[in-house]
Amino acid sequence: MKSQKNSLKAKVWFYLILFSFAILAFLWFFQVVSINSFYEWSKRKELTTVVNEVFSAYAKDDFVSSLDKISRDYGVCIEVYSYNQYTYLSNDYGRGCMGDGNLFSLNQYKREFIESNKSVQGYIFSNPKFDNKSYMYALKLNTSEYAFINVSLVPLDSTINILKKQFIYVSIVVLLLSLTIAYFISKKISKPIEKMNKSAKLLAKGNYDVTFSTNVDISEIQELSNTLNQAKDELSKTEALRREFMANVSHDLKTPLTMIRAYAEMVRDLTYKNKQKRDENLNVIIKEADRLNILVNDILELTKIQSKTQPLEMATFELNEFIKGILKQYRIYEEQQEFQFIYSGVENAVVKADLKRIEQVIYNLINNAINYTGKDKKISIIVTDEDPYYRISVKDTGKGIKEEDIPHIWDKYYKVDKNYSRVSIGTGIGLSIVKSILEQHQFPYGVISKRGKGTSFYFLIKKDQG
């Protein structure tokens, strides 16, 4: 049984709580621990803005009224010193003014700046008037006028204490809310997945009637549900094909084995003294053994091709001579069963492929056409040029394939006409071998069929570009 601490619900709950703790830690650091540093940094940055505005106001006629406005807006003290006396002192909006209009009230920093002949200078010092830290910018307006912008930092100790107490209550509320919300979110996400997991376990046990459904409006979970339903449908089809394949193979093996046994017993018990009868019975045994051999070889061949254990042996060959050589093997059908094989090709059709594999493809397509062509027993093999390919089509004149059957005809032992009466050649897995070989070559293939007008199997083979 899986550990509860490793369940999806527990993981989602844990990470949401962890996220809440991270947010609270972040807020604690910036609102409590580093608030003094941030306050001082913002005040210093604000003073640089005030310096620029004072320089801009100095060029205007209403300099004094502009200084009053700046002092009010930013809560700073502005002092202007000219010709050994103060010419302007703000109304102490920022509680940072250290001058009183007397020359001797100029502190050490102001005197040093006036004597230094610098344009701008910043200072940090302790303001004895209010016993706190102050920031000051000294500005040289012209050769005899100077401005001093001063701001006192308000002690934040009491504010920080209040924030700490407030933060404790906020943290408790946030954690309780996080616990509740995390529980419902984790439950909402994990519940449909747990449900699908139960269905997947039933599917693994061979129950193909299960469905994977969810009412959750989460696209990933909905996609997972759709994917699992598709996988279930494919597994169901595969299982049905497997059972049909096993039934067909069993039937095909059982029939010749039964015949071999029956005729062997007949030779042993009845005809062993009659040479003619004995030879007839032995010929039946040999023929049925050959059928078994073909079936086993085809199954082994299909297994090898699908496992891709044998690489393709690519070779260059001329398509017309190649197909004509194959058709010679079917003369017996023309002579004894009145089949007609009509071939139409193109000149100098040189291609590159695994010759033996393509030979298997054409043999299997012709055998399939023999089994299903019409009463006229006509089979057409047509080669056309579709650059950069040659298209090879094998067409019969049979009654065609139903549209719903076409996607399944490449499956092993799938029969489009289960009541077809003609004695067929092959083993029932020829089209599966064709599909596997062509896919291994990466050659396109397909089938075109119309009811009452026959069927055309085709594949494209690449031209030799060398």
Protein backbone atom coordinates (compact mmCIF):
# COMPACT_ATOMS: atom_id res chain seq x y z
CA MET A 1 0.00 0.00 0.00
CA LYS A 2 1.37 3.41 -0.93
CA SER A 3 2.54 5.76 1.80
CA GLN A 4 0.04 8.53 2.55
CA LYS A 5 2.84 11.09 2.84
CA ASN A 6 3.76 10.43 -0.81
CA SER A 7 0.20 10.72 -2.12
CA LEU A 8 -0.74 13.51 -4.52
CA LYS A 9 -3.08 15.05 -1.95
CA ALA A 10 -0.33 15.18 0.68
CA LYS A 11 2.19 16.59 -1.79
CA VAL A 12 -0.15 19.35 -2.99
CA TRP A 13 -1.10 20.19 0.59
CA PHE A 14 2.56 20.27 1.68
CA TYR A 15 3.72 22.52 -1.16
CA LEU A 16 0.84 24.99 -0.68
CA ILE A 17 1.65 25.26 3.03
CA LEU A 18 5.34 25.62 2.22
CA PHE A 19 4.44 28.41 -0.22
CA SER A 20 2.44 30.17 2.51
CA PHE A 21 5.40 29.97 4.89
CA ALA A 22 7.68 31.37 2.20
CA ILE A 23 5.33 34.33 1.63
CA LEU A 24 5.12 35.00 5.37
CA ALA A 25 8.91 34.81 5.72
CA PHE A 26 9.26 37.22 2.80
CA LEU A 27 6.82 39.67 4.40
CA TRP A 28 8.54 39.36 7.81
CA PHE A 29 11.91 40.18 6.28
CA PHE A 30 10.75 43.22 4.32
CA GLN A 31 8.17 44.61 6.77
CA VAL A 32 9.97 44.01 10.04
CA VAL A 33 13.63 43.01 9.71
CA SER A 34 14.68 45.32 6.89
CA ILE A 35 12.16 48.12 7.31
CA ASN A 36 14.76 50.55 8.73
CA SER A 37 17.14 49.95 5.83
CA PHE A 38 14.36 50.31 3.30
CA TYR A 39 13.08 53.49 4.99
CA GLU A 40 16.54 55.08 4.93
CA TRP A 41 17.11 54.04 1.31
CA SER A 42 13.79 55.54 0.19
CA LYS A 43 14.49 58.80 2.03
CA ARG A 44 17.88 59.16 0.41
CA LYS A 45 16.38 58.48 -3.01
CA GLU A 46 13.66 61.03 -2.31
CA LEU A 47 16.28 63.64 -1.42
CA THR A 48 17.94 63.27 -4.82
CA THR A 49 14.59 64.16 -6.41
CA VAL A 50 14.29 67.22 -4.14
CA VAL A 51 17.82 68.34 -5.16
CA ASN A 52 16.82 68.35 -8.83
CA GLU A 53 13.63 70.27 -8.10
CA VAL A 54 15.52 72.90 -6.08
CA PHE A 55 17.97 73.44 -8.93
CA SER A 56 15.02 73.81 -11.32
CA ALA A 57 13.19 76.24 -8.98
CA TYR A 58 16.27 78.46 -8.59
CA ALA A 59 16.02 79.48 -12.24
CA LYS A 60 12.43 80.74 -11.74
CA ASP A 61 11.19 84.08 -10.42
CA ASP A 62 9.01 82.53 -7.69
CA PHE A 63 11.96 80.74 -6.07
CA VAL A 64 10.77 81.22 -2.49
CA SER A 65 7.20 80.02 -3.08
CA SER A 66 8.58 77.03 -5.02
CA LEU A 67 10.79 76.14 -2.04
CA ASP A 68 7.76 76.28 0.26
CA LYS A 69 5.88 73.88 -1.98
CA ILE A 70 8.83 71.48 -2.24
CA SER A 71 9.27 71.55 1.53
CA ARG A 72 5.59 70.77 2.08
CA ASP A 73 5.35 68.05 -0.59
CA TYR A 74 8.40 66.10 0.56
CA GLY A 75 8.44 66.96 4.28
CA VAL A 76 11.98 68.32 4.19
CA CYS A 77 13.73 71.36 5.62
CA ILE A 78 15.30 73.75 3.07
CA GLU A 79 17.79 76.43 4.11
CA VAL A 80 19.28 78.98 1.71
CA TYR A 81 22.43 80.86 2.82
CA SER A 82 23.72 83.95 1.03
CA TYR A 83 26.30 86.63 1.92
CA ASN A 84 26.99 85.31 5.41
CA GLN A 85 23.34 85.06 6.41
CA TYR A 86 20.22 82.97 5.88
CA THR A 87 17.97 84.34 3.16
CA TYR A 88 15.40 81.54 3.40
CA LEU A 89 14.41 78.97 6.02
CA SER A 90 11.42 76.67 5.49
CA ASN A 91 8.77 76.38 8.20
CA ASP A 92 10.32 73.19 9.48
CA TYR A 93 7.80 70.90 7.72
CA GLY A 94 10.27 68.07 7.88
CA ARG A 95 11.34 68.68 11.50
CA GLY A 96 14.92 68.59 10.30
CA CYS A 97 15.97 72.27 10.23
CA MET A 98 19.09 72.98 12.24
CA GLY A 99 19.53 76.69 11.46
CA ASP A 100 17.88 79.78 13.03
CA GLY A 101 18.97 82.52 10.65
CA ASN A 102 22.22 83.19 12.49
CA LEU A 103 25.52 82.72 10.73
CA PHE A 104 26.98 80.99 13.73
CA SER A 105 24.29 78.32 13.59
CA LEU A 106 25.99 76.94 10.49
CA ASN A 107 27.26 73.58 11.62
CA GLN A 108 30.55 72.00 10.74
CA TYR A 109 29.20 70.20 7.64
CA LYS A 110 27.75 73.37 6.15
CA ARG A 111 30.93 75.37 6.72
CA GLU A 112 33.07 72.60 5.20
CA PHE A 113 30.85 72.49 2.10
CA ILE A 114 30.98 76.29 1.61
CA GLU A 115 34.74 76.24 1.91
CA SER A 116 35.11 73.17 -0.38
CA ASN A 117 33.71 74.95 -3.45
CA LYS A 118 31.82 71.73 -4.49
CA SER A 119 28.52 71.79 -6.42
CA VAL A 120 26.66 69.04 -4.51
CA GLN A 121 27.54 66.99 -1.46
CA GLY A 122 25.57 64.55 0.69
CA TYR A 123 25.99 64.07 4.45
CA ILE A 124 24.73 61.68 7.13
CA PHE A 125 24.92 62.85 10.73
CA SER A 126 23.15 62.88 14.04
CA ASN A 127 20.74 65.75 14.59
CA PRO A 128 21.23 67.03 18.16
CA LYS A 129 17.97 68.98 18.00
CA PHE A 130 15.87 65.80 17.76
CA ASP A 131 18.44 63.17 18.71
CA ASN A 132 18.05 61.16 15.54
CA LYS A 133 19.82 60.48 12.27
CA SER A 134 19.59 63.09 9.53
CA TYR A 135 20.40 63.22 5.84
CA MET A 136 21.52 66.46 4.26
CA TYR A 137 22.33 67.53 0.72
CA ALA A 138 24.34 70.71 0.24
CA LEU A 139 23.93 72.57 -3.06
CA LYS A 140 25.95 75.44 -4.53
CA LEU A 141 23.42 77.66 -6.33
CA ASN A 142 25.94 80.31 -7.47
CA THR A 143 29.20 81.81 -6.23
CA SER A 144 27.62 83.23 -3.07
CA GLU A 145 24.38 81.30 -2.52
CA TYR A 146 24.02 77.83 -1.06
CA ALA A 147 21.04 75.59 -0.29
CA PHE A 148 20.91 72.93 2.39
CA ILE A 149 18.18 70.26 2.14
CA ASN A 150 17.72 68.38 5.35
CA VAL A 151 15.47 65.52 6.48
CA SER A 152 15.38 63.80 9.86
CA LEU A 153 14.64 60.10 9.99
CA VAL A 154 11.77 59.27 12.29
CA PRO A 155 12.68 56.47 14.74
CA LEU A 156 10.71 53.34 13.77
CA ASP A 157 11.22 51.22 16.90
CA SER A 158 7.66 51.68 18.15
CA THR A 159 6.30 51.13 14.64
CA ILE A 160 8.30 47.92 14.29
CA ASN A 161 6.96 46.64 17.62
CA ILE A 162 3.42 47.28 16.44
CA LEU A 163 4.13 45.55 13.13
CA LYS A 164 5.56 42.53 14.95
CA LYS A 165 2.41 42.12 17.03
CA GLN A 166 0.23 42.65 13.99
CA PHE A 167 2.28 40.20 11.96
CA ILE A 168 1.78 37.43 14.52
CA TYR A 169 -2.01 37.72 14.17
CA VAL A 170 -1.77 38.00 10.40
CA SER A 171 0.45 34.90 10.26
CA ILE A 172 -2.01 32.85 12.30
CA VAL A 173 -4.93 33.88 10.07
CA VAL A 174 -2.95 33.30 6.86
CA LEU A 175 -1.79 29.85 8.00
CA LEU A 176 -5.32 28.80 8.96
CA LEU A 177 -6.65 30.01 5.62
CA SER A 178 -3.77 28.28 3.82
CA LEU A 179 -4.44 25.00 5.60
CA THR A 180 -8.12 25.14 4.65
CA ILE A 181 -7.60 26.24 1.05
CA ALA A 182 -4.72 23.78 0.55
CA TYR A 183 -6.91 20.93 1.79
CA PHE A 184 -9.74 21.69 -0.65
CA ILE A 185 -7.39 22.34 -3.60
CA SER A 186 -5.45 19.11 -2.99
CA LYS A 187 -8.70 17.20 -2.65
CA LYS A 188 -10.10 18.72 -5.87
CA ILE A 189 -6.96 17.82 -7.84
CA SER A 190 -6.30 14.39 -6.35
CA LYS A 191 -9.85 13.02 -6.30
CA PRO A 192 -10.28 12.60 -10.09
CA ILE A 193 -6.75 11.17 -10.40
CA GLU A 194 -7.47 8.66 -7.62
CA LYS A 195 -10.66 7.71 -9.46
CA MET A 196 -8.77 7.22 -12.73
CA ASN A 197 -6.12 5.21 -10.88
CA LYS A 198 -8.80 2.78 -9.64
CA SER A 199 -10.11 2.43 -13.20
CA ALA A 200 -6.55 1.89 -14.49
CA LYS A 201 -6.07 -0.97 -11.99
CA LEU A 202 -9.25 -2.60 -13.27
CA LEU A 203 -8.01 -2.13 -16.83
CA ALA A 204 -4.71 -3.78 -15.90
CA LYS A 205 -6.70 -6.81 -14.72
CA GLY A 206 -8.35 -7.11 -18.14
CA ASN A 207 -11.61 -5.24 -17.53
CA TYR A 208 -12.09 -3.24 -20.74
CA ASP A 209 -15.54 -1.94 -19.74
CA VAL A 210 -14.07 0.74 -17.47
CA THR A 211 -14.31 4.41 -18.40
CA PHE A 212 -12.04 7.27 -17.42
CA SER A 213 -14.23 10.28 -16.74
CA THR A 214 -13.79 13.48 -14.76
CA ASN A 215 -15.89 16.54 -13.97
CA VAL A 216 -12.86 18.66 -13.08
CA ASP A 217 -12.31 21.64 -15.38
CA ILE A 218 -8.53 21.19 -15.42
CA SER A 219 -7.31 20.76 -18.99
CA GLU A 220 -4.36 18.46 -18.11
CA ILE A 221 -6.61 16.08 -16.16
CA GLN A 222 -9.19 16.11 -18.95
CA GLU A 223 -6.46 15.33 -21.50
CA LEU A 224 -5.21 12.50 -19.29
CA SER A 225 -8.76 11.13 -19.10
CA ASN A 226 -9.14 11.28 -22.90
CA THR A 227 -5.73 9.64 -23.42
CA LEU A 228 -6.57 6.81 -21.02
CA ASN A 229 -9.90 6.23 -22.75
CA GLN A 230 -8.11 6.04 -26.11
CA ALA A 231 -5.54 3.65 -24.63
CA LYS A 232 -8.36 1.52 -23.21
CA ASP A 233 -10.08 1.38 -26.61
CA GLU A 234 -6.84 0.39 -28.34
CA LEU A 235 -6.08 -2.26 -25.72
CA SER A 236 -9.61 -3.60 -26.13
CA LYS A 237 -9.11 -3.82 -29.91
CA THR A 238 -5.71 -5.44 -29.46
CA GLU A 239 -7.14 -8.00 -27.06
CA ALA A 240 -9.98 -8.81 -29.47
CA LEU A 241 -7.48 -9.19 -32.32
CA ARG A 242 -5.24 -11.34 -30.13
CA ARG A 243 -8.11 -13.68 -29.34
CA GLU A 244 -9.16 -13.81 -32.97
CA PHE A 245 -5.56 -14.37 -34.02
CA MET A 246 -5.14 -17.22 -31.54
CA ALA A 247 -8.43 -18.75 -32.64
CA ASN A 248 -7.46 -18.53 -36.31
CA VAL A 249 -3.95 -19.85 -35.76
CA SER A 250 -5.34 -22.67 -33.64
CA HIS A 251 -7.84 -23.49 -36.37
CA ASP A 252 -5.21 -23.33 -39.11
CA LEU A 253 -2.89 -25.54 -37.11
CA LYS A 254 -5.60 -27.94 -36.03
CA THR A 255 -6.94 -28.64 -39.53
CA PRO A 256 -3.67 -29.87 -41.13
CA LEU A 257 -2.65 -31.66 -37.94
CA THR A 258 -5.97 -33.50 -37.92
CA MET A 259 -5.55 -34.38 -41.59
CA ILE A 260 -1.97 -35.55 -41.03
CA ARG A 261 -3.03 -37.71 -38.11
CA ALA A 262 -6.03 -39.18 -39.93
CA TYR A 263 -4.09 -40.05 -43.10
CA ALA A 264 -1.13 -41.38 -41.12
CA GLU A 265 -3.47 -43.72 -39.22
CA MET A 266 -5.05 -44.72 -42.54
CA VAL A 267 -1.63 -45.58 -43.97
CA ARG A 268 -0.74 -47.52 -40.84
CA ASP A 269 -4.00 -49.44 -40.49
CA LEU A 270 -5.53 -49.72 -43.99
CA THR A 271 -3.50 -48.77 -47.02
CA TYR A 272 0.03 -49.71 -46.08
CA LYS A 273 -0.16 -52.73 -48.45
CA ASN A 274 -1.84 -50.86 -51.33
CA LYS A 275 0.91 -48.81 -53.00
CA GLN A 276 -1.44 -46.47 -54.92
CA LYS A 277 -3.64 -45.67 -51.92
CA ARG A 278 -0.64 -45.41 -49.65
CA ASP A 279 1.06 -42.89 -51.98
CA GLU A 280 -2.14 -40.84 -52.23
CA ASN A 281 -2.44 -40.69 -48.46
CA LEU A 282 1.23 -39.82 -48.04
CA ASN A 283 0.88 -37.00 -50.60
CA VAL A 284 -1.97 -35.55 -48.54
CA ILE A 285 0.23 -35.75 -45.44
CA ILE A 286 3.08 -33.97 -47.28
CA LYS A 287 0.71 -31.26 -48.60
CA GLU A 288 -0.72 -30.57 -45.13
CA ALA A 289 2.77 -30.53 -43.65
CA ASP A 290 3.70 -27.91 -46.28
CA ARG A 291 0.70 -25.82 -45.22
CA LEU A 292 1.87 -26.00 -41.63
CA ASN A 293 5.37 -25.03 -42.69
CA ILE A 294 4.11 -21.99 -44.63
CA LEU A 295 1.98 -20.84 -41.69
CA VAL A 296 4.80 -21.18 -39.17
CA ASN A 297 7.25 -19.45 -41.51
CA ASP A 298 4.86 -16.54 -42.08
CA ILE A 299 4.33 -16.09 -38.35
CA LEU A 300 8.08 -16.18 -37.75
CA GLU A 301 8.67 -13.78 -40.65
CA LEU A 302 6.11 -11.31 -39.29
CA THR A 303 7.66 -11.52 -35.84
CA LYS A 304 11.15 -10.82 -37.22
CA ILE A 305 9.97 -7.87 -39.30
CA GLN A 306 8.00 -6.28 -36.46
CA SER A 307 10.85 -6.76 -33.96
CA LYS A 308 13.24 -5.08 -36.47
CA THR A 309 16.02 -7.49 -35.51
CA GLN A 310 17.08 -7.84 -39.14
CA PRO A 311 18.20 -4.61 -40.87
CA LEU A 312 17.14 -3.89 -44.43
CA GLU A 313 19.55 -4.96 -47.17
CA MET A 314 19.13 -2.11 -49.62
CA ALA A 315 19.85 -2.81 -53.29
CA THR A 316 19.26 -1.12 -56.64
CA PHE A 317 17.15 -3.01 -59.20
CA GLU A 318 14.93 -2.44 -62.25
CA LEU A 319 11.24 -2.65 -61.33
CA ASN A 320 9.80 -3.97 -64.63
CA GLU A 321 12.03 -7.03 -64.87
CA PHE A 322 11.59 -7.62 -61.15
CA ILE A 323 7.76 -7.73 -61.30
CA LYS A 324 7.72 -9.73 -64.56
CA GLY A 325 9.92 -12.31 -62.84
CA ILE A 326 7.40 -12.59 -60.00
CA LEU A 327 4.46 -12.97 -62.43
CA LYS A 328 6.16 -15.97 -64.07
CA GLN A 329 5.57 -17.87 -60.84
CA TYR A 330 1.80 -17.45 -61.35
CA ARG A 331 1.61 -19.06 -64.80
CA ILE A 332 0.15 -22.17 -63.21
CA TYR A 333 -2.88 -20.08 -62.16
CA GLU A 334 -3.28 -18.87 -65.73
CA GLU A 335 -3.00 -22.36 -67.18
CA GLN A 336 -5.02 -24.35 -64.65
CA GLN A 337 -7.47 -21.84 -63.16
CA GLU A 338 -7.81 -19.32 -66.02
CA PHE A 339 -6.59 -16.28 -64.04
CA GLN A 340 -5.50 -13.23 -66.06
CA PHE A 341 -2.54 -11.18 -64.83
CA ILE A 342 -2.39 -7.82 -66.66
CA TYR A 343 0.82 -5.85 -66.22
CA SER A 344 1.43 -2.20 -67.15
CA GLY A 345 4.81 -0.57 -66.35
CA VAL A 346 7.12 2.32 -67.19
CA GLU A 347 10.51 2.25 -68.88
CA ASN A 348 13.75 2.12 -66.88
CA ALA A 349 12.08 2.20 -63.44
CA VAL A 350 15.20 1.86 -61.28
CA VAL A 351 14.51 1.78 -57.53
CA LYS A 352 16.35 1.17 -54.28
CA ALA A 353 14.94 -1.09 -51.57
CA ASP A 354 15.36 -4.46 -49.88
CA LEU A 355 14.68 -6.73 -52.87
CA LYS A 356 13.58 -9.79 -50.88
CA ARG A 357 11.24 -7.76 -48.68
CA ILE A 358 9.60 -5.97 -51.62
CA GLU A 359 9.22 -9.36 -53.32
CA GLN A 360 7.28 -10.52 -50.25
CA VAL A 361 5.07 -7.43 -50.49
CA ILE A 362 4.16 -8.00 -54.14
CA TYR A 363 3.62 -11.74 -53.62
CA ASN A 364 1.26 -11.10 -50.72
CA LEU A 365 -0.69 -8.41 -52.59
CA ILE A 366 -1.11 -10.67 -55.64
CA ASN A 367 -2.15 -13.61 -53.43
CA ASN A 368 -4.70 -11.36 -51.73
CA ALA A 369 -6.05 -10.29 -55.15
CA ILE A 370 -6.32 -13.94 -56.23
CA ASN A 371 -8.46 -14.66 -53.16
CA TYR A 372 -10.88 -11.74 -53.70
CA THR A 373 -11.00 -10.90 -57.42
CA GLY A 374 -14.27 -11.26 -59.34
CA LYS A 375 -15.58 -14.06 -61.52
CA ASP A 376 -13.56 -12.78 -64.48
CA LYS A 377 -10.43 -13.63 -62.45
CA LYS A 378 -8.62 -10.51 -63.67
CA ILE A 379 -5.77 -9.01 -61.65
CA SER A 380 -3.97 -5.84 -62.78
CA ILE A 381 -0.46 -4.88 -61.69
CA ILE A 382 0.25 -1.25 -62.62
CA VAL A 383 3.42 0.82 -62.19
CA THR A 384 3.14 4.61 -62.62
CA ASP A 385 5.62 7.46 -62.22
CA GLU A 386 4.89 9.78 -59.27
CA ASP A 387 8.21 11.55 -58.87
CA PRO A 388 10.19 11.02 -56.64
CA TYR A 389 8.41 7.65 -56.31
CA TYR A 390 7.05 4.87 -58.47
CA ARG A 391 3.55 3.78 -57.52
CA ILE A 392 2.83 0.04 -57.64
CA SER A 393 -0.87 -0.91 -57.61
CA VAL A 394 -2.39 -4.40 -57.46
CA LYS A 395 -6.07 -4.28 -58.45
CA ASP A 396 -8.77 -6.95 -58.35
CA THR A 397 -12.32 -6.90 -59.73
CA GLY A 398 -14.03 -8.21 -56.61
CA LYS A 399 -16.97 -6.72 -54.75
CA GLY A 400 -14.80 -4.29 -52.77
CA ILE A 401 -14.33 -3.58 -49.08
CA LYS A 402 -16.81 -1.86 -46.79
CA GLU A 403 -15.66 1.56 -45.68
CA GLU A 404 -15.79 0.59 -41.99
CA ASP A 405 -13.53 -2.43 -42.67
CA ILE A 406 -10.75 -0.53 -44.46
CA PRO A 407 -8.90 0.67 -41.29
CA HIS A 408 -8.68 -2.95 -40.03
CA ILE A 409 -7.63 -4.87 -43.15
CA TRP A 410 -3.93 -4.61 -42.20
CA ASP A 411 -4.59 -6.41 -38.90
CA LYS A 412 -3.55 -10.02 -38.53
CA TYR A 413 -6.30 -12.46 -39.51
CA TYR A 414 -8.88 -9.72 -40.09
CA LYS A 415 -11.35 -10.94 -42.72
CA VAL A 416 -13.47 -8.50 -44.70
CA ASP A 417 -15.72 -11.33 -45.88
CA LYS A 418 -15.91 -14.12 -43.36
CA ASN A 419 -18.24 -16.20 -45.56
CA TYR A 420 -16.09 -16.00 -48.70
CA SER A 421 -16.26 -19.37 -50.45
CA ARG A 422 -13.18 -19.41 -52.73
CA VAL A 423 -10.32 -21.56 -51.42
CA SER A 424 -7.74 -18.97 -50.46
CA ILE A 425 -3.98 -19.18 -50.65
CA GLY A 426 -1.71 -17.84 -47.92
CA THR A 427 -2.11 -17.78 -44.17
CA GLY A 428 -4.25 -14.74 -43.32
CA ILE A 429 -1.39 -12.55 -42.17
CA GLY A 430 -0.12 -11.45 -45.60
CA LEU A 431 -1.34 -7.84 -45.32
CA SER A 432 0.20 -7.54 -41.86
CA ILE A 433 3.54 -8.57 -43.37
CA VAL A 434 3.03 -6.01 -46.18
CA LYS A 435 2.32 -3.24 -43.67
CA SER A 436 5.35 -4.07 -41.51
CA ILE A 437 7.77 -4.24 -44.46
CA LEU A 438 6.57 -0.96 -46.00
CA GLU A 439 6.68 0.85 -42.65
CA GLN A 440 10.22 -0.45 -42.10
CA HIS A 441 11.14 1.06 -45.49
CA GLN A 442 9.12 4.20 -44.65
CA PHE A 443 7.27 3.80 -47.96
CA PRO A 444 3.69 5.22 -48.15
CA TYR A 445 0.95 2.67 -48.77
CA GLY A 446 -2.83 2.38 -48.81
CA VAL A 447 -5.96 0.91 -50.34
CA ILE A 448 -8.71 2.28 -52.59
CA SER A 449 -11.93 0.31 -52.75
CA LYS A 450 -15.44 0.83 -54.13
CA ARG A 451 -18.28 -1.56 -53.51
CA GLY A 452 -18.95 -3.60 -56.66
CA LYS A 453 -15.94 -2.18 -58.50
CA GLY A 454 -13.01 -3.93 -56.88
CA THR A 455 -10.07 -3.00 -54.69
CA SER A 456 -6.65 -1.54 -55.43
CA PHE A 457 -3.79 -2.00 -52.96
CA TYR A 458 -0.85 0.31 -53.64
CA PHE A 459 2.49 1.42 -52.25
CA LEU A 460 5.13 3.96 -53.30
CA ILE A 461 8.75 2.93 -53.77
CA LYS A 462 11.51 5.51 -53.97
CA LYS A 463 13.43 6.04 -57.17
CA ASP A 464 17.16 5.44 -57.12
CA GLN A 465 18.72 8.91 -57.18
CA GLY A 466 22.27 7.59 -57.60
